[in-house]
Amino acid sequence: MSTTGNSTYEGFTAEERAAMKEHAQERKKAARRTSRADKAAEAARDVLAKIAEMSDPDRVMAERVHAVVLAAGPELAPRLWYGMPAYTLNGKIVCHFQPAEKFKTRYATLGFSDPANLDDGVMWPVAYALTEVTPEVEARIGALVKQAAN
């Protein structure tokens, strides 16, 4: 443990270590897949299985986010990223859903990576807190995904 000023660094949390282990397993599993079509189909099944494992309300929100993302960005491919549902364009993560239970936070998050085309001046949001996915939230997510994928 190292100390700088008044703060101490104790390393990664158990949740962060678990996410890194999941990411390593995802990479190994992806490397074992044979054809590109097999990889895409299995990755999509993995995302649905991970969503099914979530507890309410994360599962309910993840199901809605998944449906909206695929409808708004049909060119996006689902895959797991650090054990979370993510959506890629040309192999690069564009957005992902982080359930609240993953890192024991008070809300789920819809995050966008730098390949997302959300640029708006010199500053713009790249993560959104989700406590519920209403029709209005679905419309907003759909618009963001369409913009991000272009």
Protein backbone atom coordinates (compact mmCIF):
# COMPACT_ATOMS: atom_id res chain seq x y z
CA MET A 1 0.00 0.00 0.00
CA SER A 2 1.39 3.40 -0.96
CA THR A 3 0.41 6.71 0.56
CA THR A 4 0.26 10.07 -1.16
CA GLY A 5 -0.79 13.02 0.95
CA ASN A 6 -3.86 12.17 2.97
CA SER A 7 -5.12 9.39 0.67
CA THR A 8 -4.15 5.75 0.64
CA TYR A 9 -4.31 3.40 -2.31
CA GLU A 10 -5.43 -0.09 -1.46
CA GLY A 11 -5.65 -1.48 -4.99
CA PHE A 12 -8.66 -2.53 -6.98
CA THR A 13 -11.97 -3.30 -5.31
CA ALA A 14 -13.31 -6.83 -5.38
CA GLU A 15 -15.87 -5.72 -7.98
CA GLU A 16 -13.14 -4.23 -10.20
CA ARG A 17 -11.04 -7.40 -9.94
CA ALA A 18 -14.08 -9.51 -10.81
CA ALA A 19 -14.77 -7.32 -13.86
CA MET A 20 -11.17 -7.72 -15.03
CA LYS A 21 -11.42 -11.50 -14.64
CA GLU A 22 -14.65 -11.49 -16.64
CA HIS A 23 -12.95 -9.46 -19.36
CA ALA A 24 -10.08 -11.97 -19.56
CA GLN A 25 -12.57 -14.84 -19.82
CA GLU A 26 -14.50 -12.99 -22.54
CA ARG A 27 -11.30 -12.51 -24.56
CA LYS A 28 -10.32 -16.19 -24.23
CA LYS A 29 -13.80 -17.33 -25.22
CA ALA A 30 -13.85 -15.00 -28.24
CA ALA A 31 -10.44 -16.28 -29.37
CA ARG A 32 -11.74 -19.87 -29.35
CA ARG A 33 -14.69 -19.11 -31.64
CA THR A 34 -14.30 -20.19 -35.24
CA SER A 35 -16.15 -18.21 -37.89
CA ARG A 36 -17.13 -14.55 -37.81
CA ALA A 37 -20.85 -15.51 -37.87
CA ASP A 38 -20.32 -17.94 -34.97
CA LYS A 39 -18.55 -15.20 -33.02
CA ALA A 40 -21.36 -12.71 -33.56
CA ALA A 41 -24.13 -15.18 -32.72
CA GLU A 42 -22.40 -16.46 -29.60
CA ALA A 43 -21.54 -12.93 -28.45
CA ALA A 44 -25.21 -11.95 -28.79
CA ARG A 45 -26.27 -15.04 -26.79
CA ASP A 46 -23.68 -14.18 -24.12
CA VAL A 47 -25.15 -10.68 -23.75
CA LEU A 48 -28.69 -12.04 -23.38
CA ALA A 49 -27.50 -14.61 -20.84
CA LYS A 50 -25.71 -11.92 -18.82
CA ILE A 51 -28.82 -9.73 -18.86
CA ALA A 52 -30.93 -12.70 -17.70
CA GLU A 53 -28.59 -13.16 -14.72
CA MET A 54 -29.16 -9.61 -13.48
CA SER A 55 -31.58 -8.92 -10.68
CA ASP A 56 -34.43 -6.44 -10.91
CA PRO A 57 -34.46 -3.52 -11.65
CA ASP A 58 -31.13 -3.82 -13.54
CA ARG A 59 -32.42 -6.74 -15.64
CA VAL A 60 -35.57 -4.88 -16.65
CA MET A 61 -33.59 -1.80 -17.65
CA ALA A 62 -30.92 -3.84 -19.46
CA GLU A 63 -33.59 -5.67 -21.49
CA ARG A 64 -35.14 -2.36 -22.59
CA VAL A 65 -31.77 -0.74 -23.31
CA HIS A 66 -30.72 -3.81 -25.33
CA ALA A 67 -33.89 -3.67 -27.45
CA VAL A 68 -33.62 0.10 -28.00
CA VAL A 69 -29.92 -0.02 -28.90
CA LEU A 70 -30.43 -2.79 -31.46
CA ALA A 71 -33.48 -1.05 -32.96
CA ALA A 72 -31.78 2.36 -33.16
CA GLY A 73 -28.40 1.01 -34.25
CA PRO A 74 -28.93 -2.16 -36.27
CA GLU A 75 -25.31 -1.93 -37.42
CA LEU A 76 -24.14 -2.32 -33.81
CA ALA A 77 -23.10 -5.78 -32.62
CA PRO A 78 -23.72 -6.86 -29.02
CA ARG A 79 -20.91 -8.39 -26.98
CA LEU A 80 -19.81 -8.55 -23.37
CA TRP A 81 -17.29 -6.02 -22.12
CA TYR A 82 -15.97 -6.53 -18.58
CA GLY A 83 -19.07 -8.62 -17.94
CA MET A 84 -21.45 -5.88 -19.10
CA PRO A 85 -23.65 -5.68 -22.21
CA ALA A 86 -21.86 -3.58 -24.81
CA TYR A 87 -22.43 -2.69 -28.44
CA THR A 88 -19.70 -2.38 -31.06
CA LEU A 89 -19.24 -0.83 -34.47
CA ASN A 90 -16.39 -2.25 -36.53
CA GLY A 91 -15.12 -4.06 -33.44
CA LYS A 92 -14.95 -0.94 -31.24
CA ILE A 93 -17.18 -0.39 -28.22
CA VAL A 94 -19.65 2.43 -28.88
CA CYS A 95 -21.85 2.08 -25.80
CA HIS A 96 -22.44 -0.18 -22.82
CA PHE A 97 -24.88 -0.77 -20.00
CA GLN A 98 -23.44 -0.94 -16.49
CA PRO A 99 -25.88 -2.39 -13.97
CA ALA A 100 -25.99 -0.72 -10.57
CA GLU A 101 -25.24 -4.02 -8.84
CA LYS A 102 -21.99 -4.46 -10.82
CA PHE A 103 -20.06 -1.93 -8.76
CA LYS A 104 -22.64 -1.46 -6.00
CA THR A 105 -23.69 1.98 -7.20
CA ARG A 106 -27.01 3.65 -6.64
CA TYR A 107 -27.96 3.73 -10.33
CA ALA A 108 -27.28 1.90 -13.58
CA THR A 109 -25.32 3.68 -16.28
CA LEU A 110 -25.51 3.92 -20.06
CA GLY A 111 -22.03 4.87 -21.17
CA PHE A 112 -20.56 5.85 -24.52
CA SER A 113 -16.95 5.32 -25.56
CA ASP A 114 -14.82 7.68 -27.61
CA PRO A 115 -15.74 6.09 -30.99
CA ALA A 116 -19.32 7.30 -30.33
CA ASN A 117 -20.07 10.31 -32.48
CA LEU A 118 -21.58 12.43 -29.69
CA ASP A 119 -19.24 15.40 -30.07
CA ASP A 120 -20.93 18.70 -29.27
CA GLY A 121 -18.50 21.59 -29.00
CA VAL A 122 -15.72 21.18 -26.48
CA MET A 123 -17.70 19.29 -23.81
CA TRP A 124 -20.50 16.69 -23.87
CA PRO A 125 -21.81 13.89 -21.63
CA VAL A 126 -20.64 10.34 -22.27
CA ALA A 127 -22.47 8.57 -19.42
CA TYR A 128 -26.06 8.72 -18.28
CA ALA A 129 -27.50 7.56 -14.96
CA LEU A 130 -30.55 5.32 -15.29
CA THR A 131 -33.05 4.62 -12.54
CA GLU A 132 -35.90 3.64 -14.86
CA VAL A 133 -36.39 3.19 -18.60
CA THR A 134 -39.60 4.99 -19.52
CA PRO A 135 -40.85 5.60 -23.08
CA GLU A 136 -39.26 9.06 -22.94
CA VAL A 137 -35.93 7.57 -21.83
CA GLU A 138 -36.17 4.97 -24.62
CA ALA A 139 -36.64 7.75 -27.17
CA ARG A 140 -33.65 9.64 -25.80
CA ILE A 141 -31.47 6.49 -25.79
CA GLY A 142 -32.55 5.74 -29.37
CA ALA A 143 -31.57 9.24 -30.52
CA LEU A 144 -28.22 9.03 -28.74
CA VAL A 145 -27.46 5.61 -30.25
CA LYS A 146 -28.36 6.79 -33.76
CA GLN A 147 -26.05 9.77 -33.34
CA ALA A 148 -23.29 7.68 -31.77
CA ALA A 149 -23.33 5.11 -34.58
CA ASN A 150 -23.12 7.67 -37.41
